[in-house]
Structure formats: structure tokens, C-alpha cells
Amino acid sequence: MPKKSFSAESTPVVVQEHIEMWGKAIRAQRLVLRLTAAQLASRIGVSVPTVARLEKGDPGVGVGSYLGALFALGLNSAATPVLNPELWQKPANRRVRPTRAESGDELGYF
């Protein structure tokens, strides 16, 4: 079965804008560091055409490739909002799901 590919049309606008910002940042930093697309590709383990797709903001490229490029180019701060543990860690003293007693359901189904 062929792999499904995301397109710009099927991606939410806000997501597409962020992907394009990542792509522009990757290209700009690559040029500042005077790296060729082939050099960046070898550093992050992808092909040269994939680097071109990264820089264009193609949503079909895996997020691992984007993050790998950001880290390889020293743009860790560009990914920091996503990687900020405060955004995804649950508070230590608070339950995520209510217990059966808290939900009022004796069987715990709903």
C-alpha cells in the first residue's frame, strides 16, 4: 500500500504557516553557515531532494527531518516552544482523568 502524503491543501493554515517558517529558518541558517544542501542532507540523514522540500515547507516531510535540520543548524530555540516540558507534562498533584467516585459513575464506563 502506498504511503499517504500530506499536501498543503489538506494541512490547516496555521500548521502550514509554521512549517513554512521552519523551512525558511532552515534555508537561511544553512546559507549563513555556508553549507550545501548535500552537506545538510548528510548531517540529518536524508536526501538532497528532501532538504529542498524541507526548505519549501512541504508538509509531507516527516517532522523528524524538520527537527533534525533545526538541531543540526543550531536552531534549537526555534523548536523550543514545541519542546517546552511545561506545555506537555501533567501537573504532579492533579489527576488527568477523574476516578470512578469523582465521575459519579459506578461502573466507570462514562
PDB file of N, CA and C in Angstrom:
ATOM      1  N   MET A   1       0.845  -1.170   0.000  1.00  0.00           N
ATOM      2  CA  MET A   1       0.000   0.000   0.000  1.00  0.00           C
ATOM      3  C   MET A   1       0.895   1.240   0.000  1.00  0.00           C
ATOM      4  N   PRO A   2       0.619   2.201  -0.904  1.00  0.00           N
ATOM      5  CA  PRO A   2       1.465   3.395  -0.958  1.00  0.00           C
ATOM      6  C   PRO A   2       1.305   4.266   0.281  1.00  0.00           C
ATOM      7  N   LYS A   3       2.364   4.961   0.587  1.00  0.00           N
ATOM      8  CA  LYS A   3       2.375   5.854   1.733  1.00  0.00           C
ATOM      9  C   LYS A   3       1.538   7.096   1.419  1.00  0.00           C
ATOM     10  N   LYS A   4       0.711   7.512   2.369  1.00  0.00           N
ATOM     11  CA  LYS A   4      -0.097   8.705   2.168  1.00  0.00           C
ATOM     12  C   LYS A   4       0.780   9.934   2.378  1.00  0.00           C
ATOM     13  N   SER A   5       0.604  10.909   1.516  1.00  0.00           N
ATOM     14  CA  SER A   5       1.384  12.132   1.604  1.00  0.00           C
ATOM     15  C   SER A   5       0.462  13.303   1.912  1.00  0.00           C
ATOM     16  N   PHE A   6       0.917  14.144   2.803  1.00  0.00           N
ATOM     17  CA  PHE A   6       0.141  15.331   3.139  1.00  0.00           C
ATOM     18  C   PHE A   6       0.376  16.382   2.071  1.00  0.00           C
ATOM     19  N   SER A   7      -0.626  17.183   1.818  1.00  0.00           N
ATOM     20  CA  SER A   7      -0.470  18.290   0.891  1.00  0.00           C
ATOM     21  C   SER A   7      -0.792  19.580   1.623  1.00  0.00           C
ATOM     22  N   ALA A   8      -0.380  20.683   1.016  1.00  0.00           N
ATOM     23  CA  ALA A   8      -0.636  21.986   1.631  1.00  0.00           C
ATOM     24  C   ALA A   8      -2.135  22.248   1.733  1.00  0.00           C
ATOM     25  N   GLU A   9      -2.925  21.668   0.809  1.00  0.00           N
ATOM     26  CA  GLU A   9      -4.362  21.884   0.820  1.00  0.00           C
ATOM     27  C   GLU A   9      -5.045  21.160   1.985  1.00  0.00           C
ATOM     28  N   SER A  10      -4.502  20.021   2.396  1.00  0.00           N
ATOM     29  CA  SER A  10      -5.128  19.249   3.467  1.00  0.00           C
ATOM     30  C   SER A  10      -4.577  19.593   4.852  1.00  0.00           C
ATOM     31  N   THR A  11      -3.598  20.479   4.911  1.00  0.00           N
ATOM     32  CA  THR A  11      -2.985  20.881   6.168  1.00  0.00           C
ATOM     33  C   THR A  11      -3.648  22.162   6.668  1.00  0.00           C
ATOM     34  N   PRO A  12      -3.980  22.251   7.946  1.00  0.00           N
ATOM     35  CA  PRO A  12      -4.540  23.502   8.476  1.00  0.00           C
ATOM     36  C   PRO A  12      -3.606  24.681   8.205  1.00  0.00           C
ATOM     37  N   VAL A  13      -4.172  25.832   7.970  1.00  0.00           N
ATOM     38  CA  VAL A  13      -3.409  27.023   7.590  1.00  0.00           C
ATOM     39  C   VAL A  13      -2.347  27.366   8.634  1.00  0.00           C
ATOM     40  N   VAL A  14      -2.705  27.319   9.898  1.00  0.00           N
ATOM     41  CA  VAL A  14      -1.753  27.670  10.961  1.00  0.00           C
ATOM     42  C   VAL A  14      -0.574  26.695  10.957  1.00  0.00           C
ATOM     43  N   VAL A  15      -0.855  25.417  10.763  1.00  0.00           N
ATOM     44  CA  VAL A  15       0.211  24.411  10.722  1.00  0.00           C
ATOM     45  C   VAL A  15       1.103  24.664   9.516  1.00  0.00           C
ATOM     46  N   GLN A  16       0.494  24.927   8.364  1.00  0.00           N
ATOM     47  CA  GLN A  16       1.266  25.182   7.153  1.00  0.00           C
ATOM     48  C   GLN A  16       2.161  26.411   7.323  1.00  0.00           C
ATOM     49  N   GLU A  17       1.654  27.442   7.980  1.00  0.00           N
ATOM     50  CA  GLU A  17       2.457  28.642   8.209  1.00  0.00           C
ATOM     51  C   GLU A  17       3.679  28.333   9.070  1.00  0.00           C
ATOM     52  N   HIS A  18       3.499  27.522  10.113  1.00  0.00           N
ATOM     53  CA  HIS A  18       4.630  27.162  10.974  1.00  0.00           C
ATOM     54  C   HIS A  18       5.643  26.309  10.222  1.00  0.00           C
ATOM     55  N   ILE A  19       5.176  25.395   9.412  1.00  0.00           N
ATOM     56  CA  ILE A  19       6.089  24.551   8.635  1.00  0.00           C
ATOM     57  C   ILE A  19       6.886  25.416   7.665  1.00  0.00           C
ATOM     58  N   GLU A  20       6.225  26.374   7.041  1.00  0.00           N
ATOM     59  CA  GLU A  20       6.924  27.268   6.116  1.00  0.00           C
ATOM     60  C   GLU A  20       7.950  28.139   6.852  1.00  0.00           C
ATOM     61  N   MET A  21       7.615  28.572   8.073  1.00  0.00           N
ATOM     62  CA  MET A  21       8.575  29.348   8.869  1.00  0.00           C
ATOM     63  C   MET A  21       9.801  28.490   9.195  1.00  0.00           C
ATOM     64  N   TRP A  22       9.554  27.228   9.560  1.00  0.00           N
ATOM     65  CA  TRP A  22      10.684  26.325   9.833  1.00  0.00           C
ATOM     66  C   TRP A  22      11.548  26.188   8.585  1.00  0.00           C
ATOM     67  N   GLY A  23      10.899  26.012   7.436  1.00  0.00           N
ATOM     68  CA  GLY A  23      11.643  25.856   6.181  1.00  0.00           C
ATOM     69  C   GLY A  23      12.490  27.074   5.861  1.00  0.00           C
ATOM     70  N   LYS A  24      11.916  28.260   6.035  1.00  0.00           N
ATOM     71  CA  LYS A  24      12.669  29.491   5.776  1.00  0.00           C
ATOM     72  C   LYS A  24      13.842  29.627   6.744  1.00  0.00           C
ATOM     73  N   ALA A  25      13.611  29.272   8.009  1.00  0.00           N
ATOM     74  CA  ALA A  25      14.688  29.350   9.004  1.00  0.00           C
ATOM     75  C   ALA A  25      15.808  28.371   8.666  1.00  0.00           C
ATOM     76  N   ILE A  26      15.431  27.177   8.220  1.00  0.00           N
ATOM     77  CA  ILE A  26      16.433  26.161   7.858  1.00  0.00           C
ATOM     78  C   ILE A  26      17.270  26.656   6.687  1.00  0.00           C
ATOM     79  N   ARG A  27      16.609  27.168   5.656  1.00  0.00           N
ATOM     80  CA  ARG A  27      17.344  27.652   4.476  1.00  0.00           C
ATOM     81  C   ARG A  27      18.256  28.821   4.839  1.00  0.00           C
ATOM     82  N   ALA A  28      17.729  29.790   5.577  1.00  0.00           N
ATOM     83  CA  ALA A  28      18.529  30.963   5.929  1.00  0.00           C
ATOM     84  C   ALA A  28      19.756  30.575   6.745  1.00  0.00           C
ATOM     85  N   GLN A  29      19.568  29.697   7.729  1.00  0.00           N
ATOM     86  CA  GLN A  29      20.699  29.296   8.577  1.00  0.00           C
ATOM     87  C   GLN A  29      21.706  28.461   7.796  1.00  0.00           C
ATOM     88  N   ARG A  30      21.208  27.627   6.889  1.00  0.00           N
ATOM     89  CA  ARG A  30      22.119  26.822   6.063  1.00  0.00           C
ATOM     90  C   ARG A  30      23.004  27.738   5.235  1.00  0.00           C
ATOM     91  N   LEU A  31      22.411  28.790   4.669  1.00  0.00           N
ATOM     92  CA  LEU A  31      23.188  29.735   3.863  1.00  0.00           C
ATOM     93  C   LEU A  31      24.151  30.551   4.716  1.00  0.00           C
ATOM     94  N   VAL A  32      23.735  30.939   5.915  1.00  0.00           N
ATOM     95  CA  VAL A  32      24.622  31.675   6.821  1.00  0.00           C
ATOM     96  C   VAL A  32      25.840  30.826   7.173  1.00  0.00           C
ATOM     97  N   LEU A  33      25.610  29.534   7.399  1.00  0.00           N
ATOM     98  CA  LEU A  33      26.712  28.635   7.757  1.00  0.00           C
ATOM     99  C   LEU A  33      27.495  28.148   6.538  1.00  0.00           C
ATOM    100  N   ARG A  34      27.065  28.584   5.356  1.00  0.00           N
ATOM    101  CA  ARG A  34      27.714  28.212   4.089  1.00  0.00           C
ATOM    102  C   ARG A  34      27.770  26.703   3.883  1.00  0.00           C
ATOM    103  N   LEU A  35      26.644  26.069   4.179  1.00  0.00           N
ATOM    104  CA  LEU A  35      26.521  24.628   3.949  1.00  0.00           C
ATOM    105  C   LEU A  35      25.755  24.391   2.655  1.00  0.00           C
ATOM    106  N   THR A  36      26.161  23.381   1.927  1.00  0.00           N
ATOM    107  CA  THR A  36      25.390  22.991   0.748  1.00  0.00           C
ATOM    108  C   THR A  36      24.223  22.128   1.208  1.00  0.00           C
ATOM    109  N   ALA A  37      23.259  21.970   0.338  1.00  0.00           N
ATOM    110  CA  ALA A  37      22.124  21.106   0.653  1.00  0.00           C
ATOM    111  C   ALA A  37      22.605  19.674   0.861  1.00  0.00           C
ATOM    112  N   ALA A  38      23.618  19.264   0.110  1.00  0.00           N
ATOM    113  CA  ALA A  38      24.165  17.908   0.256  1.00  0.00           C
ATOM    114  C   ALA A  38      24.807  17.723   1.629  1.00  0.00           C
ATOM    115  N   GLN A  39      25.499  18.743   2.120  1.00  0.00           N
ATOM    116  CA  GLN A  39      26.124  18.645   3.443  1.00  0.00           C
ATOM    117  C   GLN A  39      25.066  18.544   4.534  1.00  0.00           C
ATOM    118  N   LEU A  40      24.018  19.367   4.444  1.00  0.00           N
ATOM    119  CA  LEU A  40      22.950  19.286   5.432  1.00  0.00           C
ATOM    120  C   LEU A  40      22.243  17.939   5.350  1.00  0.00           C
ATOM    121  N   ALA A  41      22.009  17.471   4.141  1.00  0.00           N
ATOM    122  CA  ALA A  41      21.353  16.177   3.953  1.00  0.00           C
ATOM    123  C   ALA A  41      22.137  15.059   4.623  1.00  0.00           C
ATOM    124  N   SER A  42      23.450  15.068   4.471  1.00  0.00           N
ATOM    125  CA  SER A  42      24.251  14.012   5.088  1.00  0.00           C
ATOM    126  C   SER A  42      24.258  14.127   6.612  1.00  0.00           C
ATOM    127  N   ARG A  43      24.183  15.346   7.137  1.00  0.00           N
ATOM    128  CA  ARG A  43      24.158  15.535   8.592  1.00  0.00           C
ATOM    129  C   ARG A  43      22.878  15.021   9.239  1.00  0.00           C
ATOM    130  N   ILE A  44      21.757  15.148   8.520  1.00  0.00           N
ATOM    131  CA  ILE A  44      20.491  14.730   9.123  1.00  0.00           C
ATOM    132  C   ILE A  44      19.971  13.409   8.564  1.00  0.00           C
ATOM    133  N   GLY A  45      20.713  12.827   7.619  1.00  0.00           N
ATOM    134  CA  GLY A  45      20.371  11.500   7.124  1.00  0.00           C
ATOM    135  C   GLY A  45      19.201  11.453   6.157  1.00  0.00           C
ATOM    136  N   VAL A  46      19.084  12.472   5.321  1.00  0.00           N
ATOM    137  CA  VAL A  46      18.028  12.493   4.302  1.00  0.00           C
ATOM    138  C   VAL A  46      18.665  12.771   2.948  1.00  0.00           C
ATOM    139  N   SER A  47      17.867  12.747   1.901  1.00  0.00           N
ATOM    140  CA  SER A  47      18.376  13.025   0.562  1.00  0.00           C
ATOM    141  C   SER A  47      18.358  14.527   0.282  1.00  0.00           C
ATOM    142  N   VAL A  48      19.075  14.924  -0.761  1.00  0.00           N
ATOM    143  CA  VAL A  48      19.110  16.334  -1.156  1.00  0.00           C
ATOM    144  C   VAL A  48      17.720  16.823  -1.573  1.00  0.00           C
ATOM    145  N   PRO A  49      16.945  16.033  -2.332  1.00  0.00           N
ATOM    146  CA  PRO A  49      15.587  16.496  -2.635  1.00  0.00           C
ATOM    147  C   PRO A  49      14.722  16.701  -1.385  1.00  0.00           C
ATOM    148  N   THR A  50      14.954  15.912  -0.344  1.00  0.00           N
ATOM    149  CA  THR A  50      14.202  16.101   0.903  1.00  0.00           C
ATOM    150  C   THR A  50      14.581  17.416   1.556  1.00  0.00           C
ATOM    151  N   VAL A  51      15.837  17.797   1.498  1.00  0.00           N
ATOM    152  CA  VAL A  51      16.259  19.094   2.037  1.00  0.00           C
ATOM    153  C   VAL A  51      15.561  20.215   1.264  1.00  0.00           C
ATOM    154  N   ALA A  52      15.459  20.072  -0.048  1.00  0.00           N
ATOM    155  CA  ALA A  52      14.761  21.082  -0.851  1.00  0.00           C
ATOM    156  C   ALA A  52      13.293  21.175  -0.429  1.00  0.00           C
ATOM    157  N   ARG A  53      12.675  20.026  -0.172  1.00  0.00           N
ATOM    158  CA  ARG A  53      11.280  20.022   0.281  1.00  0.00           C
ATOM    159  C   ARG A  53      11.154  20.638   1.666  1.00  0.00           C
ATOM    160  N   LEU A  54      12.129  20.373   2.545  1.00  0.00           N
ATOM    161  CA  LEU A  54      12.145  20.985   3.882  1.00  0.00           C
ATOM    162  C   LEU A  54      12.139  22.504   3.766  1.00  0.00           C
ATOM    163  N   GLU A  55      13.022  23.008   2.938  1.00  0.00           N
ATOM    164  CA  GLU A  55      13.188  24.452   2.812  1.00  0.00           C
ATOM    165  C   GLU A  55      11.981  25.126   2.176  1.00  0.00           C
ATOM    166  N   LYS A  56      11.199  24.368   1.417  1.00  0.00           N
ATOM    167  CA  LYS A  56       9.979  24.903   0.810  1.00  0.00           C
ATOM    168  C   LYS A  56       8.788  24.827   1.756  1.00  0.00           C
ATOM    169  N   GLY A  57       8.933  24.098   2.854  1.00  0.00           N
ATOM    170  CA  GLY A  57       7.842  23.965   3.815  1.00  0.00           C
ATOM    171  C   GLY A  57       6.834  22.915   3.416  1.00  0.00           C
ATOM    172  N   ASP A  58       7.306  21.833   2.833  1.00  0.00           N
ATOM    173  CA  ASP A  58       6.431  20.743   2.408  1.00  0.00           C
ATOM    174  C   ASP A  58       5.920  19.979   3.633  1.00  0.00           C
ATOM    175  N   PRO A  59       4.590  19.905   3.837  1.00  0.00           N
ATOM    176  CA  PRO A  59       4.058  19.200   5.000  1.00  0.00           C
ATOM    177  C   PRO A  59       4.190  17.684   4.910  1.00  0.00           C
ATOM    178  N   GLY A  60       4.561  17.163   3.754  1.00  0.00           N
ATOM    179  CA  GLY A  60       4.729  15.729   3.598  1.00  0.00           C
ATOM    180  C   GLY A  60       6.046  15.201   4.147  1.00  0.00           C
ATOM    181  N   VAL A  61       6.967  16.102   4.447  1.00  0.00           N
ATOM    182  CA  VAL A  61       8.253  15.699   5.020  1.00  0.00           C
ATOM    183  C   VAL A  61       8.044  15.424   6.504  1.00  0.00           C
ATOM    184  N   GLY A  62       8.645  14.382   7.000  1.00  0.00           N
ATOM    185  CA  GLY A  62       8.485  13.988   8.394  1.00  0.00           C
ATOM    186  C   GLY A  62       8.981  15.043   9.360  1.00  0.00           C
ATOM    187  N   VAL A  63       8.297  15.135  10.481  1.00  0.00           N
ATOM    188  CA  VAL A  63       8.663  16.121  11.497  1.00  0.00           C
ATOM    189  C   VAL A  63      10.063  15.840  12.037  1.00  0.00           C
ATOM    190  N   GLY A  64      10.478  14.591  12.034  1.00  0.00           N
ATOM    191  CA  GLY A  64      11.829  14.253  12.484  1.00  0.00           C
ATOM    192  C   GLY A  64      12.891  14.889  11.607  1.00  0.00           C
ATOM    193  N   SER A  65      12.609  14.996  10.326  1.00  0.00           N
ATOM    194  CA  SER A  65      13.550  15.642   9.409  1.00  0.00           C
ATOM    195  C   SER A  65      13.637  17.138   9.695  1.00  0.00           C
ATOM    196  N   TYR A  66      12.473  17.763   9.938  1.00  0.00           N
ATOM    197  CA  TYR A  66      12.485  19.193  10.277  1.00  0.00           C
ATOM    198  C   TYR A  66      13.255  19.440  11.563  1.00  0.00           C
ATOM    199  N   LEU A  67      12.945  18.683  12.601  1.00  0.00           N
ATOM    200  CA  LEU A  67      13.619  18.890  13.889  1.00  0.00           C
ATOM    201  C   LEU A  67      15.101  18.548  13.798  1.00  0.00           C
ATOM    202  N   GLY A  68      15.431  17.509  13.038  1.00  0.00           N
ATOM    203  CA  GLY A  68      16.836  17.161  12.843  1.00  0.00           C
ATOM    204  C   GLY A  68      17.605  18.293  12.185  1.00  0.00           C
ATOM    205  N   ALA A  69      16.989  18.912  11.180  1.00  0.00           N
ATOM    206  CA  ALA A  69      17.637  20.035  10.498  1.00  0.00           C
ATOM    207  C   ALA A  69      17.782  21.229  11.430  1.00  0.00           C
ATOM    208  N   LEU A  70      16.732  21.523  12.200  1.00  0.00           N
ATOM    209  CA  LEU A  70      16.804  22.643  13.138  1.00  0.00           C
ATOM    210  C   LEU A  70      17.929  22.447  14.146  1.00  0.00           C
ATOM    211  N   PHE A  71      18.049  21.250  14.689  1.00  0.00           N
ATOM    212  CA  PHE A  71      19.097  20.970  15.673  1.00  0.00           C
ATOM    213  C   PHE A  71      20.477  20.950  15.026  1.00  0.00           C
ATOM    214  N   ALA A  72      20.582  20.372  13.817  1.00  0.00           N
ATOM    215  CA  ALA A  72      21.875  20.309  13.129  1.00  0.00           C
ATOM    216  C   ALA A  72      22.402  21.703  12.789  1.00  0.00           C
ATOM    217  N   LEU A  73      21.489  22.639  12.581  1.00  0.00           N
ATOM    218  CA  LEU A  73      21.885  24.001  12.230  1.00  0.00           C
ATOM    219  C   LEU A  73      21.990  24.918  13.447  1.00  0.00           C
ATOM    220  N   GLY A  74      21.763  24.366  14.631  1.00  0.00           N
ATOM    221  CA  GLY A  74      21.876  25.162  15.853  1.00  0.00           C
ATOM    222  C   GLY A  74      20.674  26.043  16.106  1.00  0.00           C
ATOM    223  N   LEU A  75      19.535  25.684  15.533  1.00  0.00           N
ATOM    224  CA  LEU A  75      18.315  26.467  15.717  1.00  0.00           C
ATOM    225  C   LEU A  75      17.420  25.848  16.780  1.00  0.00           C
ATOM    226  N   ASN A  76      18.017  25.370  17.852  1.00  0.00           N
ATOM    227  CA  ASN A  76      17.250  24.734  18.920  1.00  0.00           C
ATOM    228  C   ASN A  76      16.162  25.643  19.455  1.00  0.00           C
ATOM    229  N   SER A  77      16.437  26.947  19.536  1.00  0.00           N
ATOM    230  CA  SER A  77      15.453  27.862  20.089  1.00  0.00           C
ATOM    231  C   SER A  77      14.222  27.971  19.201  1.00  0.00           C
ATOM    232  N   ALA A  78      14.344  27.684  17.907  1.00  0.00           N
ATOM    233  CA  ALA A  78      13.184  27.724  17.006  1.00  0.00           C
ATOM    234  C   ALA A  78      12.203  26.614  17.342  1.00  0.00           C
ATOM    235  N   ALA A  79      12.699  25.514  17.916  1.00  0.00           N
ATOM    236  CA  ALA A  79      11.828  24.389  18.259  1.00  0.00           C
ATOM    237  C   ALA A  79      11.458  24.383  19.736  1.00  0.00           C
ATOM    238  N   THR A  80      12.015  25.291  20.513  1.00  0.00           N
ATOM    239  CA  THR A  80      11.803  25.286  21.955  1.00  0.00           C
ATOM    240  C   THR A  80      10.348  25.348  22.375  1.00  0.00           C
ATOM    241  N   PRO A  81       9.486  26.182  21.768  1.00  0.00           N
ATOM    242  CA  PRO A  81       8.090  26.183  22.211  1.00  0.00           C
ATOM    243  C   PRO A  81       7.433  24.812  22.116  1.00  0.00           C
ATOM    244  N   VAL A  82       7.797  24.034  21.132  1.00  0.00           N
ATOM    245  CA  VAL A  82       7.231  22.704  20.985  1.00  0.00           C
ATOM    246  C   VAL A  82       7.823  21.764  22.030  1.00  0.00           C
ATOM    247  N   LEU A  83       9.082  21.938  22.326  1.00  0.00           N
ATOM    248  CA  LEU A  83       9.782  21.010  23.214  1.00  0.00           C
ATOM    249  C   LEU A  83       9.754  21.440  24.674  1.00  0.00           C
ATOM    250  N   ASN A  84       9.067  22.506  24.989  1.00  0.00           N
ATOM    251  CA  ASN A  84       8.996  23.001  26.349  1.00  0.00           C
ATOM    252  C   ASN A  84       8.210  22.014  27.217  1.00  0.00           C
ATOM    253  N   PRO A  85       8.856  21.363  28.186  1.00  0.00           N
ATOM    254  CA  PRO A  85       8.167  20.362  29.001  1.00  0.00           C
ATOM    255  C   PRO A  85       6.957  20.900  29.751  1.00  0.00           C
ATOM    256  N   GLU A  86       6.947  22.187  30.066  1.00  0.00           N
ATOM    257  CA  GLU A  86       5.808  22.756  30.791  1.00  0.00           C
ATOM    258  C   GLU A  86       4.520  22.664  29.986  1.00  0.00           C
ATOM    259  N   LEU A  87       4.634  22.573  28.668  1.00  0.00           N
ATOM    260  CA  LEU A  87       3.454  22.513  27.822  1.00  0.00           C
ATOM    261  C   LEU A  87       2.829  21.122  27.760  1.00  0.00           C
ATOM    262  N   TRP A  88       3.625  20.081  28.013  1.00  0.00           N
ATOM    263  CA  TRP A  88       3.077  18.740  27.839  1.00  0.00           C
ATOM    264  C   TRP A  88       3.138  17.864  29.071  1.00  0.00           C
ATOM    265  N   GLN A  89       3.827  18.273  30.106  1.00  0.00           N
ATOM    266  CA  GLN A  89       3.852  17.463  31.318  1.00  0.00           C
ATOM    267  C   GLN A  89       2.640  17.786  32.177  1.00  0.00           C
ATOM    268  N   LYS A  90       2.032  16.749  32.731  1.00  0.00           N
ATOM    269  CA  LYS A  90       0.881  16.984  33.600  1.00  0.00           C
ATOM    270  C   LYS A  90       1.375  17.434  34.975  1.00  0.00           C
ATOM    271  N   PRO A  91       0.603  18.240  35.648  1.00  0.00           N
ATOM    272  CA  PRO A  91       0.987  18.641  36.997  1.00  0.00           C
ATOM    273  C   PRO A  91       1.067  17.423  37.915  1.00  0.00           C
ATOM    274  N   ALA A  92       2.025  17.430  38.816  1.00  0.00           N
ATOM    275  CA  ALA A  92       2.256  16.268  39.673  1.00  0.00           C
ATOM    276  C   ALA A  92       1.118  16.022  40.659  1.00  0.00           C
ATOM    277  N   ASN A  93       0.414  17.057  41.074  1.00  0.00           N
ATOM    278  CA  ASN A  93      -0.601  16.891  42.118  1.00  0.00           C
ATOM    279  C   ASN A  93      -2.031  16.869  41.554  1.00  0.00           C
ATOM    280  N   ARG A  94      -2.196  16.690  40.278  1.00  0.00           N
ATOM    281  CA  ARG A  94      -3.524  16.746  39.682  1.00  0.00           C
ATOM    282  C   ARG A  94      -3.775  15.541  38.794  1.00  0.00           C
ATOM    283  N   ARG A  95      -4.948  14.915  38.948  1.00  0.00           N
ATOM    284  CA  ARG A  95      -5.289  13.774  38.110  1.00  0.00           C
ATOM    285  C   ARG A  95      -5.733  14.252  36.735  1.00  0.00           C
ATOM    286  N   VAL A  96      -5.361  13.480  35.719  1.00  0.00           N
ATOM    287  CA  VAL A  96      -5.786  13.804  34.369  1.00  0.00           C
ATOM    288  C   VAL A  96      -7.208  13.317  34.142  1.00  0.00           C
ATOM    289  N   ARG A  97      -7.507  12.104  34.587  1.00  0.00           N
ATOM    290  CA  ARG A  97      -8.841  11.523  34.458  1.00  0.00           C
ATOM    291  C   ARG A  97      -9.468  11.387  35.830  1.00  0.00           C
ATOM    292  N   PRO A  98     -10.744  11.697  35.968  1.00  0.00           N
ATOM    293  CA  PRO A  98     -11.361  11.536  37.286  1.00  0.00           C
ATOM    294  C   PRO A  98     -11.506  10.056  37.637  1.00  0.00           C
ATOM    295  N   THR A  99     -11.482   9.769  38.915  1.00  0.00           N
ATOM    296  CA  THR A  99     -11.712   8.399  39.360  1.00  0.00           C
ATOM    297  C   THR A  99     -13.192   8.091  39.240  1.00  0.00           C
ATOM    298  N   ARG A 100     -13.577   6.838  39.473  1.00  0.00           N
ATOM    299  CA  ARG A 100     -14.997   6.470  39.410  1.00  0.00           C
ATOM    300  C   ARG A 100     -15.825   7.280  40.400  1.00  0.00           C
ATOM    301  N   ALA A 101     -15.293   7.465  41.586  1.00  0.00           N
ATOM    302  CA  ALA A 101     -16.024   8.209  42.621  1.00  0.00           C
ATOM    303  C   ALA A 101     -16.203   9.669  42.203  1.00  0.00           C
ATOM    304  N   GLU A 102     -15.182  10.236  41.575  1.00  0.00           N
ATOM    305  CA  GLU A 102     -15.264  11.628  41.157  1.00  0.00           C
ATOM    306  C   GLU A 102     -16.219  11.825  39.986  1.00  0.00           C
ATOM    307  N   SER A 103     -16.310  10.812  39.107  1.00  0.00           N
ATOM    308  CA  SER A 103     -17.153  10.964  37.926  1.00  0.00           C
ATOM    309  C   SER A 103     -18.625  10.687  38.229  1.00  0.00           C
ATOM    310  N   GLY A 104     -18.916  10.006  39.331  1.00  0.00           N
ATOM    311  CA  GLY A 104     -20.284   9.689  39.680  1.00  0.00           C
ATOM    312  C   GLY A 104     -20.806   8.448  38.977  1.00  0.00           C
ATOM    313  N   ASP A 105     -19.979   7.761  38.250  1.00  0.00           N
ATOM    314  CA  ASP A 105     -20.370   6.564  37.519  1.00  0.00           C
ATOM    315  C   ASP A 105     -19.822   5.351  38.258  1.00  0.00           C
ATOM    316  N   GLU A 106     -20.717   4.486  38.717  1.00  0.00           N
ATOM    317  CA  GLU A 106     -20.276   3.336  39.489  1.00  0.00           C
ATOM    318  C   GLU A 106     -19.492   2.339  38.661  1.00  0.00           C
ATOM    319  N   LEU A 107     -19.859   2.186  37.373  1.00  0.00           N
ATOM    320  CA  LEU A 107     -19.177   1.210  36.538  1.00  0.00           C
ATOM    321  C   LEU A 107     -17.933   1.792  35.870  1.00  0.00           C
ATOM    322  N   GLY A 108     -17.826   3.082  35.825  1.00  0.00           N
ATOM    323  CA  GLY A 108     -16.651   3.714  35.233  1.00  0.00           C
ATOM    324  C   GLY A 108     -16.648   3.728  33.731  1.00  0.00           C
ATOM    325  N   TYR A 109     -17.807   3.522  33.103  1.00  0.00           N
ATOM    326  CA  TYR A 109     -17.836   3.493  31.646  1.00  0.00           C
ATOM    327  C   TYR A 109     -17.862   4.883  31.014  1.00  0.00           C
ATOM    328  N   PHE A 110     -18.499   5.826  31.691  1.00  0.00           N
ATOM    329  CA  PHE A 110     -18.666   7.135  31.055  1.00  0.00           C
ATOM    330  C   PHE A 110     -18.150   8.239  31.940  1.00  0.00           C
TER     331      PHE A 110
END
